Amino acid sequence: MGTIKYLEYNNLYLEEINNFINESMHKFINRPYKIRQDVANIEEHYIKNGGNFWVAIDTNFNKIVGTIGLEKRENIGIVKRFYVQEEYQNRKIGTNLYQILEKYCRETDIKILYLTCGNVLEKAHRFYFNNGYEQIDKMEIDMHVGENDDSFKKVL
């Protein structure tokens, strides 16, 4: 493993981000490969509305090994597309990506974070609980929740 660089989104990695997220969603929660509209247009979906999107890149291989996105709705944030490649897990990459996102939230006056997570992702659930999230029975805002997803909330 080389040095891991954490970068805010730029158009250089758009195709790689799409491929990484599709592969991650298929591998971790068996979702089909398809064009995901938010990922196909990160600038419009995340950046333009005051959110952001970050990637972790292994500099030895110049490849994406992690992503996290923040959709912003006034003072509410929705954590999306949070994945770390399996062989890079347990190396603080997810923690670093998440800390970058949370710092950005505090700087941009986001007060509450929401997210959904596949109910089979036990390690992800532990990560969220360890970072102050509570599991909620029903999503309190209008957003897509998959059939096999659990919902989480954190007050900052």
N, C-alpha and C. Protein backbone atom coordinates (compact mmCIF):
# COMPACT_ATOMS: atom_id res chain seq x y z
N MET A 1 0.85 -1.17 0.00
CA MET A 1 0.00 0.00 0.00
C MET A 1 0.89 1.23 0.00
N GLY A 2 0.55 2.16 -0.87
CA GLY A 2 1.26 3.43 -0.92
C GLY A 2 0.65 4.43 0.04
N THR A 3 1.00 5.65 -0.13
CA THR A 3 0.40 6.72 0.64
C THR A 3 -1.05 6.88 0.19
N ILE A 4 -1.93 7.13 1.14
CA ILE A 4 -3.33 7.38 0.80
C ILE A 4 -3.53 8.89 0.80
N LYS A 5 -4.00 9.41 -0.33
CA LYS A 5 -4.33 10.83 -0.44
C LYS A 5 -5.84 10.96 -0.39
N TYR A 6 -6.31 12.01 0.29
CA TYR A 6 -7.74 12.28 0.40
C TYR A 6 -8.01 13.56 -0.38
N LEU A 7 -8.83 13.44 -1.40
CA LEU A 7 -9.07 14.56 -2.31
C LEU A 7 -10.55 14.90 -2.39
N GLU A 8 -10.83 16.20 -2.48
CA GLU A 8 -12.19 16.60 -2.82
C GLU A 8 -12.42 16.25 -4.27
N TYR A 9 -13.66 16.01 -4.60
CA TYR A 9 -14.03 15.60 -5.95
C TYR A 9 -13.52 16.58 -7.00
N ASN A 10 -13.03 16.03 -8.09
CA ASN A 10 -12.80 16.80 -9.31
C ASN A 10 -13.07 15.86 -10.48
N ASN A 11 -13.27 16.41 -11.65
CA ASN A 11 -13.69 15.62 -12.81
C ASN A 11 -12.67 14.58 -13.25
N LEU A 12 -11.44 14.65 -12.78
CA LEU A 12 -10.41 13.71 -13.22
C LEU A 12 -10.79 12.26 -12.96
N TYR A 13 -11.52 12.00 -11.88
CA TYR A 13 -11.77 10.63 -11.46
C TYR A 13 -13.21 10.18 -11.65
N LEU A 14 -14.00 10.88 -12.46
CA LEU A 14 -15.42 10.57 -12.57
C LEU A 14 -15.67 9.13 -13.00
N GLU A 15 -15.03 8.66 -14.04
CA GLU A 15 -15.25 7.28 -14.51
C GLU A 15 -14.80 6.28 -13.45
N GLU A 16 -13.67 6.52 -12.82
CA GLU A 16 -13.17 5.62 -11.79
C GLU A 16 -14.11 5.58 -10.58
N ILE A 17 -14.68 6.74 -10.22
CA ILE A 17 -15.63 6.79 -9.10
C ILE A 17 -16.86 5.95 -9.44
N ASN A 18 -17.40 6.13 -10.64
CA ASN A 18 -18.56 5.34 -11.06
C ASN A 18 -18.26 3.85 -10.98
N ASN A 19 -17.13 3.43 -11.51
CA ASN A 19 -16.77 2.02 -11.50
C ASN A 19 -16.57 1.50 -10.07
N PHE A 20 -15.90 2.29 -9.24
CA PHE A 20 -15.64 1.90 -7.86
C PHE A 20 -16.94 1.71 -7.09
N ILE A 21 -17.86 2.65 -7.23
CA ILE A 21 -19.13 2.57 -6.49
C ILE A 21 -19.97 1.40 -6.99
N ASN A 22 -20.06 1.22 -8.29
CA ASN A 22 -20.81 0.08 -8.82
C ASN A 22 -20.23 -1.24 -8.30
N GLU A 23 -18.92 -1.36 -8.34
CA GLU A 23 -18.27 -2.59 -7.87
C GLU A 23 -18.52 -2.78 -6.37
N SER A 24 -18.42 -1.71 -5.60
CA SER A 24 -18.63 -1.80 -4.15
C SER A 24 -20.06 -2.18 -3.82
N MET A 25 -21.02 -1.56 -4.48
CA MET A 25 -22.42 -1.87 -4.20
C MET A 25 -22.74 -3.31 -4.57
N HIS A 26 -22.16 -3.79 -5.64
CA HIS A 26 -22.40 -5.17 -6.04
C HIS A 26 -21.75 -6.15 -5.05
N LYS A 27 -20.52 -5.85 -4.69
CA LYS A 27 -19.75 -6.74 -3.83
C LYS A 27 -20.31 -6.80 -2.40
N PHE A 28 -20.61 -5.62 -1.84
CA PHE A 28 -21.00 -5.57 -0.43
C PHE A 28 -22.47 -5.87 -0.20
N ILE A 29 -23.35 -5.42 -1.11
CA ILE A 29 -24.78 -5.60 -0.85
C ILE A 29 -25.54 -6.16 -2.05
N ASN A 30 -24.81 -6.72 -3.00
CA ASN A 30 -25.39 -7.42 -4.13
C ASN A 30 -26.37 -6.58 -4.95
N ARG A 31 -26.09 -5.30 -5.07
CA ARG A 31 -26.93 -4.43 -5.90
C ARG A 31 -26.45 -4.52 -7.35
N PRO A 32 -27.36 -4.38 -8.30
CA PRO A 32 -26.97 -4.54 -9.71
C PRO A 32 -26.10 -3.38 -10.20
N TYR A 33 -25.31 -3.67 -11.23
CA TYR A 33 -24.54 -2.64 -11.90
C TYR A 33 -25.51 -1.78 -12.70
N LYS A 34 -25.40 -0.46 -12.58
CA LYS A 34 -26.22 0.45 -13.36
C LYS A 34 -25.67 1.86 -13.21
N ILE A 35 -26.17 2.76 -14.02
CA ILE A 35 -25.79 4.16 -13.88
C ILE A 35 -26.53 4.72 -12.67
N ARG A 36 -25.80 5.24 -11.74
CA ARG A 36 -26.39 5.86 -10.54
C ARG A 36 -26.34 7.37 -10.77
N GLN A 37 -27.50 7.96 -10.86
CA GLN A 37 -27.62 9.35 -11.31
C GLN A 37 -26.82 10.33 -10.45
N ASP A 38 -26.79 10.12 -9.14
CA ASP A 38 -26.02 11.03 -8.29
C ASP A 38 -24.53 10.94 -8.58
N VAL A 39 -24.05 9.73 -8.86
CA VAL A 39 -22.63 9.53 -9.12
C VAL A 39 -22.27 9.96 -10.54
N ALA A 40 -23.21 9.81 -11.44
CA ALA A 40 -22.97 10.22 -12.83
C ALA A 40 -22.82 11.74 -12.94
N ASN A 41 -23.37 12.46 -11.99
CA ASN A 41 -23.27 13.93 -12.01
C ASN A 41 -23.03 14.45 -10.60
N ILE A 42 -21.86 14.17 -10.07
CA ILE A 42 -21.49 14.56 -8.71
C ILE A 42 -21.57 16.06 -8.52
N GLU A 43 -21.09 16.80 -9.49
CA GLU A 43 -21.10 18.27 -9.40
C GLU A 43 -22.52 18.79 -9.15
N GLU A 44 -23.47 18.33 -9.93
CA GLU A 44 -24.86 18.80 -9.82
C GLU A 44 -25.52 18.29 -8.54
N HIS A 45 -25.32 17.03 -8.24
CA HIS A 45 -26.05 16.41 -7.13
C HIS A 45 -25.47 16.77 -5.75
N TYR A 46 -24.17 16.83 -5.65
CA TYR A 46 -23.53 17.05 -4.34
C TYR A 46 -22.98 18.47 -4.20
N ILE A 47 -22.12 18.87 -5.09
CA ILE A 47 -21.35 20.10 -4.93
C ILE A 47 -22.23 21.35 -5.04
N LYS A 48 -23.06 21.43 -6.06
CA LYS A 48 -23.86 22.62 -6.33
C LYS A 48 -24.77 23.00 -5.17
N ASN A 49 -25.23 22.02 -4.41
CA ASN A 49 -26.15 22.27 -3.31
C ASN A 49 -25.45 22.45 -1.97
N GLY A 50 -24.13 22.57 -1.99
CA GLY A 50 -23.39 22.84 -0.75
C GLY A 50 -22.83 21.60 -0.08
N GLY A 51 -23.05 20.43 -0.67
CA GLY A 51 -22.46 19.21 -0.13
C GLY A 51 -21.06 19.04 -0.69
N ASN A 52 -20.57 17.82 -0.64
CA ASN A 52 -19.24 17.57 -1.16
C ASN A 52 -19.06 16.08 -1.40
N PHE A 53 -17.95 15.71 -1.99
CA PHE A 53 -17.65 14.31 -2.29
C PHE A 53 -16.13 14.15 -2.21
N TRP A 54 -15.68 13.11 -1.51
CA TRP A 54 -14.26 12.89 -1.32
C TRP A 54 -13.87 11.49 -1.78
N VAL A 55 -12.63 11.36 -2.21
CA VAL A 55 -12.08 10.06 -2.60
C VAL A 55 -10.76 9.84 -1.88
N ALA A 56 -10.50 8.57 -1.58
CA ALA A 56 -9.20 8.16 -1.05
C ALA A 56 -8.49 7.42 -2.16
N ILE A 57 -7.26 7.81 -2.43
CA ILE A 57 -6.50 7.25 -3.55
C ILE A 57 -5.20 6.66 -3.04
N ASP A 58 -4.92 5.41 -3.43
CA ASP A 58 -3.64 4.79 -3.14
C ASP A 58 -2.67 5.32 -4.19
N THR A 59 -1.69 6.10 -3.76
CA THR A 59 -0.78 6.76 -4.71
C THR A 59 0.15 5.79 -5.43
N ASN A 60 0.42 4.62 -4.85
CA ASN A 60 1.28 3.65 -5.54
C ASN A 60 0.63 3.13 -6.81
N PHE A 61 -0.69 2.97 -6.76
CA PHE A 61 -1.41 2.39 -7.89
C PHE A 61 -2.31 3.41 -8.59
N ASN A 62 -2.34 4.63 -8.06
CA ASN A 62 -3.21 5.69 -8.58
C ASN A 62 -4.64 5.16 -8.78
N LYS A 63 -5.16 4.53 -7.71
CA LYS A 63 -6.51 3.99 -7.79
C LYS A 63 -7.33 4.40 -6.58
N ILE A 64 -8.62 4.52 -6.81
CA ILE A 64 -9.55 4.87 -5.74
C ILE A 64 -9.73 3.66 -4.84
N VAL A 65 -9.60 3.89 -3.54
CA VAL A 65 -9.80 2.82 -2.57
C VAL A 65 -10.90 3.14 -1.58
N GLY A 66 -11.46 4.36 -1.66
CA GLY A 66 -12.56 4.74 -0.79
C GLY A 66 -13.25 5.98 -1.29
N THR A 67 -14.54 6.10 -0.93
CA THR A 67 -15.33 7.29 -1.28
C THR A 67 -16.29 7.61 -0.15
N ILE A 68 -16.70 8.87 -0.11
CA ILE A 68 -17.79 9.29 0.77
C ILE A 68 -18.38 10.57 0.19
N GLY A 69 -19.70 10.64 0.20
CA GLY A 69 -20.39 11.81 -0.32
C GLY A 69 -21.29 12.43 0.72
N LEU A 70 -21.52 13.72 0.58
CA LEU A 70 -22.41 14.45 1.48
C LEU A 70 -23.41 15.23 0.64
N GLU A 71 -24.67 14.85 0.77
CA GLU A 71 -25.75 15.62 0.16
C GLU A 71 -26.24 16.59 1.23
N LYS A 72 -26.38 17.86 0.87
CA LYS A 72 -26.77 18.88 1.85
C LYS A 72 -28.16 19.40 1.54
N ARG A 73 -28.99 19.47 2.57
CA ARG A 73 -30.33 20.06 2.50
C ARG A 73 -30.47 21.01 3.68
N GLU A 74 -30.22 22.27 3.43
CA GLU A 74 -30.21 23.30 4.48
C GLU A 74 -29.24 22.89 5.58
N ASN A 75 -29.73 22.61 6.80
CA ASN A 75 -28.80 22.23 7.88
C ASN A 75 -28.81 20.72 8.15
N ILE A 76 -29.25 19.95 7.16
CA ILE A 76 -29.27 18.50 7.25
C ILE A 76 -28.29 17.94 6.22
N GLY A 77 -27.55 16.92 6.63
CA GLY A 77 -26.64 16.24 5.71
C GLY A 77 -27.03 14.78 5.57
N ILE A 78 -26.84 14.26 4.38
CA ILE A 78 -27.08 12.85 4.12
C ILE A 78 -25.76 12.24 3.65
N VAL A 79 -25.28 11.27 4.41
CA VAL A 79 -24.03 10.59 4.08
C VAL A 79 -24.35 9.53 3.03
N LYS A 80 -23.62 9.58 1.92
CA LYS A 80 -23.89 8.65 0.83
C LYS A 80 -22.58 8.11 0.25
N ARG A 81 -22.69 7.00 -0.40
CA ARG A 81 -21.60 6.41 -1.19
C ARG A 81 -20.33 6.23 -0.38
N PHE A 82 -20.50 5.76 0.86
CA PHE A 82 -19.37 5.57 1.76
C PHE A 82 -18.90 4.12 1.64
N TYR A 83 -17.78 3.95 0.95
CA TYR A 83 -17.22 2.62 0.72
C TYR A 83 -15.70 2.68 0.85
N VAL A 84 -15.15 1.60 1.35
CA VAL A 84 -13.70 1.40 1.35
C VAL A 84 -13.47 0.00 0.78
N GLN A 85 -12.59 -0.08 -0.19
CA GLN A 85 -12.27 -1.36 -0.82
C GLN A 85 -11.87 -2.36 0.27
N GLU A 86 -12.36 -3.58 0.15
CA GLU A 86 -12.23 -4.57 1.20
C GLU A 86 -10.79 -4.76 1.69
N GLU A 87 -9.84 -4.86 0.76
CA GLU A 87 -8.45 -5.10 1.18
C GLU A 87 -7.81 -3.86 1.83
N TYR A 88 -8.50 -2.73 1.83
CA TYR A 88 -8.00 -1.51 2.45
C TYR A 88 -8.73 -1.19 3.76
N GLN A 89 -9.68 -2.03 4.13
CA GLN A 89 -10.40 -1.80 5.37
C GLN A 89 -9.50 -2.06 6.57
N ASN A 90 -9.87 -1.50 7.70
CA ASN A 90 -9.12 -1.61 8.96
C ASN A 90 -7.76 -0.94 8.89
N ARG A 91 -7.65 0.09 8.06
CA ARG A 91 -6.42 0.87 7.95
C ARG A 91 -6.69 2.36 8.17
N LYS A 92 -7.83 2.66 8.78
CA LYS A 92 -8.24 4.04 9.12
C LYS A 92 -8.65 4.88 7.90
N ILE A 93 -8.78 4.28 6.73
CA ILE A 93 -9.19 5.04 5.55
C ILE A 93 -10.62 5.51 5.69
N GLY A 94 -11.52 4.62 6.10
CA GLY A 94 -12.91 5.01 6.33
C GLY A 94 -13.03 6.04 7.43
N THR A 95 -12.29 5.86 8.50
CA THR A 95 -12.29 6.83 9.60
C THR A 95 -11.83 8.20 9.11
N ASN A 96 -10.77 8.23 8.33
CA ASN A 96 -10.26 9.52 7.82
C ASN A 96 -11.26 10.18 6.88
N LEU A 97 -11.86 9.40 5.98
CA LEU A 97 -12.88 9.96 5.08
C LEU A 97 -14.04 10.52 5.90
N TYR A 98 -14.49 9.75 6.88
CA TYR A 98 -15.62 10.20 7.69
C TYR A 98 -15.26 11.47 8.49
N GLN A 99 -14.06 11.54 9.04
CA GLN A 99 -13.66 12.73 9.80
C GLN A 99 -13.60 13.97 8.91
N ILE A 100 -13.16 13.80 7.67
CA ILE A 100 -13.15 14.91 6.71
C ILE A 100 -14.58 15.39 6.48
N LEU A 101 -15.50 14.44 6.27
CA LEU A 101 -16.91 14.79 6.05
C LEU A 101 -17.49 15.51 7.27
N GLU A 102 -17.27 14.98 8.45
CA GLU A 102 -17.85 15.59 9.65
C GLU A 102 -17.27 16.98 9.91
N LYS A 103 -16.00 17.17 9.67
CA LYS A 103 -15.39 18.50 9.81
C LYS A 103 -16.06 19.48 8.85
N TYR A 104 -16.27 19.05 7.63
CA TYR A 104 -16.95 19.88 6.63
C TYR A 104 -18.37 20.23 7.10
N CYS A 105 -19.07 19.27 7.69
CA CYS A 105 -20.42 19.51 8.20
C CYS A 105 -20.41 20.61 9.27
N ARG A 106 -19.49 20.52 10.18
CA ARG A 106 -19.41 21.52 11.26
C ARG A 106 -19.08 22.91 10.70
N GLU A 107 -18.24 22.95 9.67
CA GLU A 107 -17.87 24.23 9.05
C GLU A 107 -19.00 24.82 8.23
N THR A 108 -19.92 24.01 7.76
CA THR A 108 -21.02 24.49 6.92
C THR A 108 -22.36 24.45 7.64
N ASP A 109 -22.33 24.35 8.97
CA ASP A 109 -23.51 24.47 9.82
C ASP A 109 -24.54 23.37 9.61
N ILE A 110 -24.08 22.17 9.29
CA ILE A 110 -24.99 21.03 9.24
C ILE A 110 -25.15 20.52 10.67
N LYS A 111 -26.40 20.35 11.08
CA LYS A 111 -26.71 20.00 12.47
C LYS A 111 -27.06 18.52 12.67
N ILE A 112 -27.58 17.87 11.61
CA ILE A 112 -28.02 16.48 11.71
C ILE A 112 -27.53 15.72 10.49
N LEU A 113 -27.05 14.50 10.71
CA LEU A 113 -26.66 13.62 9.61
C LEU A 113 -27.58 12.41 9.58
N TYR A 114 -27.94 12.01 8.38
CA TYR A 114 -28.72 10.79 8.16
C TYR A 114 -27.95 9.91 7.19
N LEU A 115 -28.21 8.61 7.26
CA LEU A 115 -27.67 7.69 6.27
C LEU A 115 -28.47 6.40 6.30
N THR A 116 -28.36 5.65 5.21
CA THR A 116 -28.91 4.31 5.18
C THR A 116 -27.75 3.35 4.90
N CYS A 117 -27.94 2.12 5.33
CA CYS A 117 -26.87 1.14 5.22
C CYS A 117 -27.52 -0.24 5.04
N GLY A 118 -27.00 -1.03 4.13
CA GLY A 118 -27.51 -2.39 3.95
C GLY A 118 -27.52 -3.15 5.26
N ASN A 119 -28.63 -3.80 5.55
CA ASN A 119 -28.76 -4.45 6.86
C ASN A 119 -27.80 -5.62 7.06
N VAL A 120 -27.14 -6.08 6.02
CA VAL A 120 -26.17 -7.18 6.14
C VAL A 120 -24.76 -6.69 6.48
N LEU A 121 -24.56 -5.39 6.50
CA LEU A 121 -23.22 -4.82 6.69
C LEU A 121 -22.93 -4.58 8.17
N GLU A 122 -22.65 -5.64 8.88
CA GLU A 122 -22.45 -5.57 10.33
C GLU A 122 -21.28 -4.67 10.72
N LYS A 123 -20.17 -4.75 9.98
CA LYS A 123 -19.01 -3.90 10.29
C LYS A 123 -19.36 -2.42 10.12
N ALA A 124 -20.13 -2.11 9.09
CA ALA A 124 -20.54 -0.73 8.86
C ALA A 124 -21.45 -0.26 10.00
N HIS A 125 -22.36 -1.11 10.43
CA HIS A 125 -23.23 -0.74 11.55
C HIS A 125 -22.40 -0.41 12.79
N ARG A 126 -21.42 -1.25 13.09
CA ARG A 126 -20.56 -0.98 14.24
C ARG A 126 -19.84 0.35 14.08
N PHE A 127 -19.34 0.63 12.88
CA PHE A 127 -18.67 1.90 12.62
C PHE A 127 -19.60 3.06 12.95
N TYR A 128 -20.83 3.01 12.48
CA TYR A 128 -21.77 4.10 12.71
C TYR A 128 -22.10 4.24 14.20
N PHE A 129 -22.35 3.14 14.88
CA PHE A 129 -22.62 3.22 16.32
C PHE A 129 -21.42 3.81 17.06
N ASN A 130 -20.21 3.39 16.70
CA ASN A 130 -19.00 3.90 17.34
C ASN A 130 -18.76 5.38 17.06
N ASN A 131 -19.39 5.90 16.01
CA ASN A 131 -19.24 7.31 15.66
C ASN A 131 -20.46 8.13 16.04
N GLY A 132 -21.27 7.62 16.96
CA GLY A 132 -22.34 8.40 17.56
C GLY A 132 -23.68 8.37 16.87
N TYR A 133 -23.88 7.46 15.94
CA TYR A 133 -25.18 7.35 15.27
C TYR A 133 -26.11 6.48 16.09
N GLU A 134 -27.39 6.75 15.95
CA GLU A 134 -28.41 5.87 16.51
C GLU A 134 -29.21 5.31 15.34
N GLN A 135 -29.60 4.06 15.48
CA GLN A 135 -30.44 3.46 14.44
C GLN A 135 -31.88 3.93 14.68
N ILE A 136 -32.55 4.31 13.61
CA ILE A 136 -33.94 4.78 13.71
C ILE A 136 -34.83 3.85 12.91
N ASP A 137 -36.08 3.74 13.36
CA ASP A 137 -37.02 2.82 12.72
C ASP A 137 -37.45 3.29 11.35
N LYS A 138 -37.60 4.60 11.21
CA LYS A 138 -38.11 5.14 9.95
C LYS A 138 -37.35 6.42 9.63
N MET A 139 -37.01 6.59 8.37
CA MET A 139 -36.29 7.79 7.95
C MET A 139 -37.18 9.01 8.17
N GLU A 140 -36.63 10.02 8.80
CA GLU A 140 -37.38 11.22 9.17
C GLU A 140 -37.40 12.28 8.08
N ILE A 141 -36.68 12.04 7.00
CA ILE A 141 -36.67 12.96 5.87
C ILE A 141 -36.99 12.18 4.60
N ASP A 142 -37.31 12.90 3.55
CA ASP A 142 -37.62 12.26 2.29
C ASP A 142 -36.32 11.90 1.57
N MET A 143 -36.07 10.62 1.50
CA MET A 143 -34.90 10.13 0.77
C MET A 143 -35.11 8.66 0.46
N HIS A 144 -34.39 8.17 -0.53
CA HIS A 144 -34.51 6.77 -0.92
C HIS A 144 -33.94 5.87 0.18
N VAL A 145 -34.74 4.86 0.52
CA VAL A 145 -34.29 3.83 1.45
C VAL A 145 -34.55 2.49 0.76
N GLY A 146 -33.50 1.71 0.57
CA GLY A 146 -33.64 0.41 -0.06
C GLY A 146 -34.40 -0.57 0.82
N GLU A 147 -34.94 -1.57 0.19
CA GLU A 147 -35.75 -2.59 0.87
C GLU A 147 -34.99 -3.26 2.02
N ASN A 148 -33.69 -3.45 1.86
CA ASN A 148 -32.88 -4.12 2.87
C ASN A 148 -31.92 -3.17 3.57
N ASP A 149 -32.33 -1.92 3.71
CA ASP A 149 -31.49 -0.91 4.35
C ASP A 149 -31.97 -0.61 5.76
N ASP A 150 -31.02 -0.29 6.64
CA ASP A 150 -31.31 0.26 7.95
C ASP A 150 -31.02 1.74 7.90
N SER A 151 -31.72 2.51 8.75
CA SER A 151 -31.58 3.97 8.77
C SER A 151 -30.89 4.42 10.04
N PHE A 152 -30.08 5.46 9.92
CA PHE A 152 -29.30 5.98 11.05
C PHE A 152 -29.37 7.50 11.08
N LYS A 153 -29.17 8.05 12.29
CA LYS A 153 -29.22 9.50 12.51
C LYS A 153 -28.17 9.88 13.54
N LYS A 154 -27.57 11.06 13.32
CA LYS A 154 -26.63 11.60 14.30
C LYS A 154 -26.86 13.10 14.41
N VAL A 155 -27.01 13.59 15.62
CA VAL A 155 -27.08 15.02 15.88
C VAL A 155 -25.67 15.50 16.18
N LEU A 156 -25.23 16.51 15.43
CA LEU A 156 -23.87 17.03 15.63
C LEU A 156 -23.83 18.08 16.73
